[in-house]
PDB file of N, CA and C in Angstrom:
ATOM      1  N   PHE A   1      69.873 114.152 100.742  1.00  0.00           N
ATOM      2  CA  PHE A   1      69.972 115.513 100.260  1.00  0.00           C
ATOM      3  C   PHE A   1      69.871 115.562  98.739  1.00  0.00           C
ATOM      4  N   GLU A   2      70.575 114.623  98.076  1.00  0.00           N
ATOM      5  CA  GLU A   2      70.535 114.591  96.607  1.00  0.00           C
ATOM      6  C   GLU A   2      69.124 114.341  96.096  1.00  0.00           C
ATOM      7  N   ALA A   3      68.388 113.486  96.773  1.00  0.00           N
ATOM      8  CA  ALA A   3      67.010 113.191  96.349  1.00  0.00           C
ATOM      9  C   ALA A   3      66.144 114.444  96.447  1.00  0.00           C
ATOM     10  N   GLN A   4      66.348 115.247  97.474  1.00  0.00           N
ATOM     11  CA  GLN A   4      65.570 116.466  97.631  1.00  0.00           C
ATOM     12  C   GLN A   4      65.923 117.492  96.554  1.00  0.00           C
ATOM     13  N   VAL A   5      67.205 117.591  96.211  1.00  0.00           N
ATOM     14  CA  VAL A   5      67.634 118.515  95.161  1.00  0.00           C
ATOM     15  C   VAL A   5      67.033 118.088  93.817  1.00  0.00           C
ATOM     16  N   LYS A   6      67.072 116.790  93.539  1.00  0.00           N
ATOM     17  CA  LYS A   6      66.501 116.289  92.283  1.00  0.00           C
ATOM     18  C   LYS A   6      64.999 116.540  92.233  1.00  0.00           C
ATOM     19  N   ALA A   7      64.315 116.327  93.354  1.00  0.00           N
ATOM     20  CA  ALA A   7      62.876 116.569  93.403  1.00  0.00           C
ATOM     21  C   ALA A   7      62.578 118.045  93.173  1.00  0.00           C
ATOM     22  N   TYR A   8      63.378 118.920  93.739  1.00  0.00           N
ATOM     23  CA  TYR A   8      63.188 120.357  93.562  1.00  0.00           C
ATOM     24  C   TYR A   8      63.382 120.774  92.102  1.00  0.00           C
ATOM     25  N   LYS A   9      64.356 120.151  91.430  1.00  0.00           N
ATOM     26  CA  LYS A   9      64.650 120.479  90.033  1.00  0.00           C
ATOM     27  C   LYS A   9      63.744 119.738  89.059  1.00  0.00           C
ATOM     28  N   GLY A  10      62.893 118.842  89.555  1.00  0.00           N
ATOM     29  CA  GLY A  10      61.987 118.093  88.688  1.00  0.00           C
ATOM     30  C   GLY A  10      62.650 116.919  87.998  1.00  0.00           C
ATOM     31  N   ILE A  11      63.736 116.416  88.579  1.00  0.00           N
ATOM     32  CA  ILE A  11      64.445 115.267  88.015  1.00  0.00           C
ATOM     33  C   ILE A  11      63.958 114.009  88.725  1.00  0.00           C
ATOM     34  N   ILE A  12      63.513 113.048  87.940  1.00  0.00           N
ATOM     35  CA  ILE A  12      62.962 111.814  88.494  1.00  0.00           C
ATOM     36  C   ILE A  12      63.901 110.661  88.157  1.00  0.00           C
ATOM     37  N   PRO A  13      64.526 110.052  89.176  1.00  0.00           N
ATOM     38  CA  PRO A  13      65.410 108.921  88.911  1.00  0.00           C
ATOM     39  C   PRO A  13      64.611 107.691  88.476  1.00  0.00           C
ATOM     40  N   MET A  14      65.104 107.003  87.463  1.00  0.00           N
ATOM     41  CA  MET A  14      64.454 105.799  86.955  1.00  0.00           C
ATOM     42  C   MET A  14      65.525 104.767  86.657  1.00  0.00           C
ATOM     43  N   THR A  15      65.293 103.528  87.065  1.00  0.00           N
ATOM     44  CA  THR A  15      66.212 102.435  86.780  1.00  0.00           C
ATOM     45  C   THR A  15      65.557 101.509  85.773  1.00  0.00           C
ATOM     46  N   LEU A  16      66.272 101.230  84.699  1.00  0.00           N
ATOM     47  CA  LEU A  16      65.795 100.335  83.641  1.00  0.00           C
ATOM     48  C   LEU A  16      66.681  99.095  83.671  1.00  0.00           C
ATOM     49  N   ILE A  17      66.106  97.974  84.086  1.00  0.00           N
ATOM     50  CA  ILE A  17      66.843  96.723  84.228  1.00  0.00           C
ATOM     51  C   ILE A  17      66.430  95.796  83.100  1.00  0.00           C
ATOM     52  N   SER A  18      67.404  95.245  82.390  1.00  0.00           N
ATOM     53  CA  SER A  18      67.101  94.326  81.296  1.00  0.00           C
ATOM     54  C   SER A  18      68.108  93.182  81.297  1.00  0.00           C
ATOM     55  N   ALA A  19      67.756  92.108  80.588  1.00  0.00           N
ATOM     56  CA  ALA A  19      68.621  90.940  80.523  1.00  0.00           C
ATOM     57  C   ALA A  19      69.820  91.184  79.610  1.00  0.00           C
ATOM     58  N   ILE A  20      69.615  91.972  78.567  1.00  0.00           N
ATOM     59  CA  ILE A  20      70.674  92.327  77.621  1.00  0.00           C
ATOM     60  C   ILE A  20      70.588  93.828  77.359  1.00  0.00           C
ATOM     61  N   PRO A  21      71.643  94.433  76.842  1.00  0.00           N
ATOM     62  CA  PRO A  21      71.545  95.856  76.504  1.00  0.00           C
ATOM     63  C   PRO A  21      70.442  96.088  75.466  1.00  0.00           C
ATOM     64  N   LEU A  22      69.587  97.068  75.727  1.00  0.00           N
ATOM     65  CA  LEU A  22      68.465  97.353  74.830  1.00  0.00           C
ATOM     66  C   LEU A  22      68.916  98.210  73.656  1.00  0.00           C
ATOM     67  N   ASP A  23      68.329  97.952  72.486  1.00  0.00           N
ATOM     68  CA  ASP A  23      68.645  98.806  71.330  1.00  0.00           C
ATOM     69  C   ASP A  23      67.956 100.154  71.513  1.00  0.00           C
ATOM     70  N   SER A  24      68.373 101.130  70.746  1.00  0.00           N
ATOM     71  CA  SER A  24      67.902 102.499  70.951  1.00  0.00           C
ATOM     72  C   SER A  24      66.406 102.653  70.710  1.00  0.00           C
ATOM     73  N   SER A  25      65.838 101.947  69.746  1.00  0.00           N
ATOM     74  CA  SER A  25      64.400 102.096  69.475  1.00  0.00           C
ATOM     75  C   SER A  25      63.555 101.529  70.610  1.00  0.00           C
ATOM     76  N   THR A  26      63.969 100.402  71.185  1.00  0.00           N
ATOM     77  CA  THR A  26      63.237  99.819  72.304  1.00  0.00           C
ATOM     78  C   THR A  26      63.335 100.718  73.527  1.00  0.00           C
ATOM     79  N   LYS A  27      64.527 101.214  73.787  1.00  0.00           N
ATOM     80  CA  LYS A  27      64.738 102.109  74.920  1.00  0.00           C
ATOM     81  C   LYS A  27      63.914 103.389  74.765  1.00  0.00           C
ATOM     82  N   LYS A  28      63.895 103.930  73.556  1.00  0.00           N
ATOM     83  CA  LYS A  28      63.140 105.154  73.279  1.00  0.00           C
ATOM     84  C   LYS A  28      61.650 104.922  73.500  1.00  0.00           C
ATOM     85  N   SER A  29      61.147 103.758  73.089  1.00  0.00           N
ATOM     86  CA  SER A  29      59.738 103.427  73.262  1.00  0.00           C
ATOM     87  C   SER A  29      59.372 103.340  74.741  1.00  0.00           C
ATOM     88  N   ILE A  30      60.196 102.679  75.523  1.00  0.00           N
ATOM     89  CA  ILE A  30      59.951 102.547  76.961  1.00  0.00           C
ATOM     90  C   ILE A  30      59.978 103.921  77.625  1.00  0.00           C
ATOM     91  N   LEU A  31      60.993 104.708  77.293  1.00  0.00           N
ATOM     92  CA  LEU A  31      61.129 106.025  77.916  1.00  0.00           C
ATOM     93  C   LEU A  31      59.986 106.966  77.545  1.00  0.00           C
ATOM     94  N   SER A  32      59.520 106.906  76.303  1.00  0.00           N
ATOM     95  CA  SER A  32      58.420 107.785  75.902  1.00  0.00           C
ATOM     96  C   SER A  32      57.146 107.455  76.673  1.00  0.00           C
ATOM     97  N   LYS A  33      56.907 106.170  76.929  1.00  0.00           N
ATOM     98  CA  LYS A  33      55.731 105.780  77.710  1.00  0.00           C
ATOM     99  C   LYS A  33      55.865 106.218  79.162  1.00  0.00           C
ATOM    100  N   MET A  34      57.065 106.116  79.717  1.00  0.00           N
ATOM    101  CA  MET A  34      57.270 106.506  81.103  1.00  0.00           C
ATOM    102  C   MET A  34      57.227 108.026  81.259  1.00  0.00           C
ATOM    103  N   GLU A  35      57.760 108.771  80.293  1.00  0.00           N
ATOM    104  CA  GLU A  35      57.748 110.236  80.364  1.00  0.00           C
ATOM    105  C   GLU A  35      56.327 110.781  80.335  1.00  0.00           C
ATOM    106  N   GLY A  36      55.431 110.066  79.662  1.00  0.00           N
ATOM    107  CA  GLY A  36      54.048 110.504  79.600  1.00  0.00           C
ATOM    108  C   GLY A  36      53.323 110.400  80.930  1.00  0.00           C
ATOM    109  N   SER A  37      53.857 109.605  81.855  1.00  0.00           N
ATOM    110  CA  SER A  37      53.185 109.408  83.140  1.00  0.00           C
ATOM    111  C   SER A  37      53.786 110.232  84.275  1.00  0.00           C
ATOM    112  N   VAL A  38      54.792 111.046  83.979  1.00  0.00           N
ATOM    113  CA  VAL A  38      55.432 111.845  85.032  1.00  0.00           C
ATOM    114  C   VAL A  38      55.550 113.303  84.614  1.00  0.00           C
ATOM    115  N   ASN A  39      55.658 114.151  85.596  1.00  0.00           N
ATOM    116  CA  ASN A  39      55.916 115.571  85.358  1.00  0.00           C
ATOM    117  C   ASN A  39      57.354 115.842  85.764  1.00  0.00           C
ATOM    118  N   GLY A  40      58.228 115.995  84.806  1.00  0.00           N
ATOM    119  CA  GLY A  40      59.631 116.240  85.094  1.00  0.00           C
ATOM    120  C   GLY A  40      60.508 115.554  84.075  1.00  0.00           C
ATOM    121  N   THR A  41      61.793 115.571  84.372  1.00  0.00           N
ATOM    122  CA  THR A  41      62.789 114.972  83.494  1.00  0.00           C
ATOM    123  C   THR A  41      63.268 113.663  84.098  1.00  0.00           C
ATOM    124  N   LEU A  42      63.332 112.620  83.283  1.00  0.00           N
ATOM    125  CA  LEU A  42      63.805 111.325  83.761  1.00  0.00           C
ATOM    126  C   LEU A  42      65.328 111.264  83.750  1.00  0.00           C
ATOM    127  N   GLU A  43      65.883 110.734  84.817  1.00  0.00           N
ATOM    128  CA  GLU A  43      67.315 110.454  84.903  1.00  0.00           C
ATOM    129  C   GLU A  43      67.436 108.926  84.888  1.00  0.00           C
ATOM    130  N   VAL A  44      67.831 108.375  83.759  1.00  0.00           N
ATOM    131  CA  VAL A  44      67.786 106.932  83.545  1.00  0.00           C
ATOM    132  C   VAL A  44      69.123 106.289  83.884  1.00  0.00           C
ATOM    133  N   THR A  45      69.041 105.219  84.680  1.00  0.00           N
ATOM    134  CA  THR A  45      70.181 104.370  84.984  1.00  0.00           C
ATOM    135  C   THR A  45      69.866 102.996  84.416  1.00  0.00           C
ATOM    136  N   GLU A  46      70.751 102.490  83.570  1.00  0.00           N
ATOM    137  CA  GLU A  46      70.530 101.170  82.970  1.00  0.00           C
ATOM    138  C   GLU A  46      71.348 100.119  83.711  1.00  0.00           C
ATOM    139  N   VAL A  47      70.703  98.982  83.985  1.00  0.00           N
ATOM    140  CA  VAL A  47      71.340  97.873  84.684  1.00  0.00           C
ATOM    141  C   VAL A  47      71.078  96.601  83.885  1.00  0.00           C
ATOM    142  N   ILE A  48      72.093  95.771  83.742  1.00  0.00           N
ATOM    143  CA  ILE A  48      71.948  94.479  83.059  1.00  0.00           C
ATOM    144  C   ILE A  48      71.869  93.385  84.117  1.00  0.00           C
ATOM    145  N   ASP A  49      70.804  92.578  84.063  1.00  0.00           N
ATOM    146  CA  ASP A  49      70.597  91.465  84.982  1.00  0.00           C
ATOM    147  C   ASP A  49      70.190  90.252  84.157  1.00  0.00           C
ATOM    148  N   GLU A  50      71.135  89.368  83.897  1.00  0.00           N
ATOM    149  CA  GLU A  50      70.884  88.211  83.029  1.00  0.00           C
ATOM    150  C   GLU A  50      69.874  87.232  83.609  1.00  0.00           C
ATOM    151  N   SER A  51      69.601  87.313  84.912  1.00  0.00           N
ATOM    152  CA  SER A  51      68.638  86.394  85.513  1.00  0.00           C
ATOM    153  C   SER A  51      67.202  86.694  85.078  1.00  0.00           C
ATOM    154  N   LEU A  52      66.968  87.826  84.431  1.00  0.00           N
ATOM    155  CA  LEU A  52      65.632  88.157  83.944  1.00  0.00           C
ATOM    156  C   LEU A  52      65.236  87.320  82.736  1.00  0.00           C
ATOM    157  N   ILE A  53      66.185  86.694  82.088  1.00  0.00           N
ATOM    158  CA  ILE A  53      66.025  85.866  80.891  1.00  0.00           C
ATOM    159  C   ILE A  53      65.689  86.728  79.681  1.00  0.00           C
ATOM    160  N   GLY A  54      64.760  87.636  79.801  1.00  0.00           N
ATOM    161  CA  GLY A  54      64.351  88.535  78.733  1.00  0.00           C
ATOM    162  C   GLY A  54      63.409  89.573  79.300  1.00  0.00           C
ATOM    163  N   GLY A  55      63.065  90.552  78.502  1.00  0.00           N
ATOM    164  CA  GLY A  55      62.167  91.604  78.961  1.00  0.00           C
ATOM    165  C   GLY A  55      62.898  92.661  79.763  1.00  0.00           C
ATOM    166  N   PHE A  56      62.146  93.388  80.606  1.00  0.00           N
ATOM    167  CA  PHE A  56      62.742  94.469  81.374  1.00  0.00           C
ATOM    168  C   PHE A  56      61.934  94.750  82.632  1.00  0.00           C
ATOM    169  N   ILE A  57      62.552  95.493  83.552  1.00  0.00           N
ATOM    170  CA  ILE A  57      61.909  95.997  84.759  1.00  0.00           C
ATOM    171  C   ILE A  57      62.216  97.484  84.828  1.00  0.00           C
ATOM    172  N   VAL A  58      61.208  98.285  85.113  1.00  0.00           N
ATOM    173  CA  VAL A  58      61.395  99.723  85.303  1.00  0.00           C
ATOM    174  C   VAL A  58      61.066 100.038  86.757  1.00  0.00           C
ATOM    175  N   LYS A  59      62.014 100.670  87.451  1.00  0.00           N
ATOM    176  CA  LYS A  59      61.793 101.119  88.831  1.00  0.00           C
ATOM    177  C   LYS A  59      61.885 102.629  88.856  1.00  0.00           C
ATOM    178  N   MET A  60      60.846 103.243  89.411  1.00  0.00           N
ATOM    179  CA  MET A  60      60.799 104.697  89.479  1.00  0.00           C
ATOM    180  C   MET A  60      60.091 105.065  90.776  1.00  0.00           C
ATOM    181  N   GLY A  61      60.852 105.539  91.750  1.00  0.00           N
ATOM    182  CA  GLY A  61      60.273 105.840  93.054  1.00  0.00           C
ATOM    183  C   GLY A  61      59.740 104.576  93.693  1.00  0.00           C
ATOM    184  N   ASP A  62      58.481 104.602  94.096  1.00  0.00           N
ATOM    185  CA  ASP A  62      57.876 103.416  94.699  1.00  0.00           C
ATOM    186  C   ASP A  62      57.096 102.584  93.684  1.00  0.00           C
ATOM    187  N   MET A  63      57.248 102.897  92.402  1.00  0.00           N
ATOM    188  CA  MET A  63      56.557 102.175  91.338  1.00  0.00           C
ATOM    189  C   MET A  63      57.517 101.214  90.641  1.00  0.00           C
ATOM    190  N   GLN A  64      57.013 100.036  90.295  1.00  0.00           N
ATOM    191  CA  GLN A  64      57.818  99.069  89.552  1.00  0.00           C
ATOM    192  C   GLN A  64      56.952  98.418  88.482  1.00  0.00           C
ATOM    193  N   VAL A  65      57.464  98.421  87.255  1.00  0.00           N
ATOM    194  CA  VAL A  65      56.798  97.747  86.145  1.00  0.00           C
ATOM    195  C   VAL A  65      57.677  96.560  85.785  1.00  0.00           C
ATOM    196  N   ASP A  66      57.144  95.355  85.963  1.00  0.00           N
ATOM    197  CA  ASP A  66      57.927  94.143  85.728  1.00  0.00           C
ATOM    198  C   ASP A  66      57.397  93.441  84.486  1.00  0.00           C
ATOM    199  N   ALA A  67      58.129  93.554  83.393  1.00  0.00           N
ATOM    200  CA  ALA A  67      57.770  92.896  82.133  1.00  0.00           C
ATOM    201  C   ALA A  67      58.865  91.900  81.760  1.00  0.00           C
ATOM    202  N   SER A  68      59.402  91.209  82.773  1.00  0.00           N
ATOM    203  CA  SER A  68      60.489  90.265  82.518  1.00  0.00           C
ATOM    204  C   SER A  68      59.937  88.862  82.298  1.00  0.00           C
ATOM    205  N   VAL A  69      60.683  88.064  81.577  1.00  0.00           N
ATOM    206  CA  VAL A  69      60.305  86.676  81.315  1.00  0.00           C
ATOM    207  C   VAL A  69      60.356  85.871  82.611  1.00  0.00           C
ATOM    208  N   ALA A  70      61.342  86.142  83.459  1.00  0.00           N
ATOM    209  CA  ALA A  70      61.453  85.431  84.732  1.00  0.00           C
ATOM    210  C   ALA A  70      60.204  85.659  85.583  1.00  0.00           C
ATOM    211  N   SER A  71      59.704  86.871  85.610  1.00  0.00           N
ATOM    212  CA  SER A  71      58.488  87.180  86.364  1.00  0.00           C
ATOM    213  C   SER A  71      57.282  86.448  85.778  1.00  0.00           C
ATOM    214  N   GLN A  72      57.198  86.399  84.465  1.00  0.00           N
ATOM    215  CA  GLN A  72      56.086  85.699  83.825  1.00  0.00           C
ATOM    216  C   GLN A  72      56.145  84.200  84.119  1.00  0.00           C
ATOM    217  N   PHE A  73      57.350  83.623  84.146  1.00  0.00           N
ATOM    218  CA  PHE A  73      57.505  82.212  84.507  1.00  0.00           C
ATOM    219  C   PHE A  73      57.066  81.981  85.955  1.00  0.00           C
ATOM    220  N   ASN A  74      57.446  82.875  86.864  1.00  0.00           N
ATOM    221  CA  ASN A  74      57.047  82.738  88.264  1.00  0.00           C
ATOM    222  C   ASN A  74      55.540  82.835  88.419  1.00  0.00           C
ATOM    223  N   ASN A  75      54.907  83.761  87.694  1.00  0.00           N
ATOM    224  CA  ASN A  75      53.441  83.885  87.754  1.00  0.00           C
ATOM    225  C   ASN A  75      52.770  82.625  87.232  1.00  0.00           C
ATOM    226  N   LEU A  76      53.280  82.072  86.142  1.00  0.00           N
ATOM    227  CA  LEU A  76      52.735  80.845  85.583  1.00  0.00           C
ATOM    228  C   LEU A  76      52.898  79.684  86.553  1.00  0.00           C
ATOM    229  N   LYS A  77      54.055  79.600  87.192  1.00  0.00           N
ATOM    230  CA  LYS A  77      54.319  78.540  88.170  1.00  0.00           C
ATOM    231  C   LYS A  77      53.327  78.631  89.328  1.00  0.00           C
ATOM    232  N   GLN A  78      53.060  79.854  89.801  1.00  0.00           N
ATOM    233  CA  GLN A  78      52.126  80.028  90.919  1.00  0.00           C
ATOM    234  C   GLN A  78      50.717  79.623  90.511  1.00  0.00           C
ATOM    235  N   ARG A  79      50.303  79.956  89.284  1.00  0.00           N
ATOM    236  CA  ARG A  79      48.959  79.588  88.830  1.00  0.00           C
ATOM    237  C   ARG A  79      48.826  78.085  88.656  1.00  0.00           C
ATOM    238  N   LEU A  80      49.879  77.418  88.194  1.00  0.00           N
ATOM    239  CA  LEU A  80      49.805  75.971  87.974  1.00  0.00           C
ATOM    240  C   LEU A  80      49.851  75.168  89.267  1.00  0.00           C
ATOM    241  N   THR A  81      50.432  75.731  90.319  1.00  0.00           N
ATOM    242  CA  THR A  81      50.543  74.998  91.589  1.00  0.00           C
ATOM    243  C   THR A  81      49.377  75.255  92.530  1.00  0.00           C
ATOM    244  N   ARG A  82      48.391  76.025  92.104  1.00  0.00           N
ATOM    245  CA  ARG A  82      47.207  76.274  92.961  1.00  0.00           C
ATOM    246  C   ARG A  82      46.282  75.116  92.939  1.00  0.00           C
TER     247      ARG A  82
END
């Protein structure tokens, strides 16, 4: 029900996951890029996940942007083991 109310009001839930708390300028930069790709207001939830090592992950609906160091290491590992 809450998801339908938010959709009706144009509120888009977004989760920003990072290894450490992001400074305001970095957060503002990420949010400005994400706001440009949606019609509505972002409702941001910040989560700290130290296993990312560095970087961030943005989850918004069924979309995920993974710019974490852990993901880059996994991609490199997969390319080297082929």
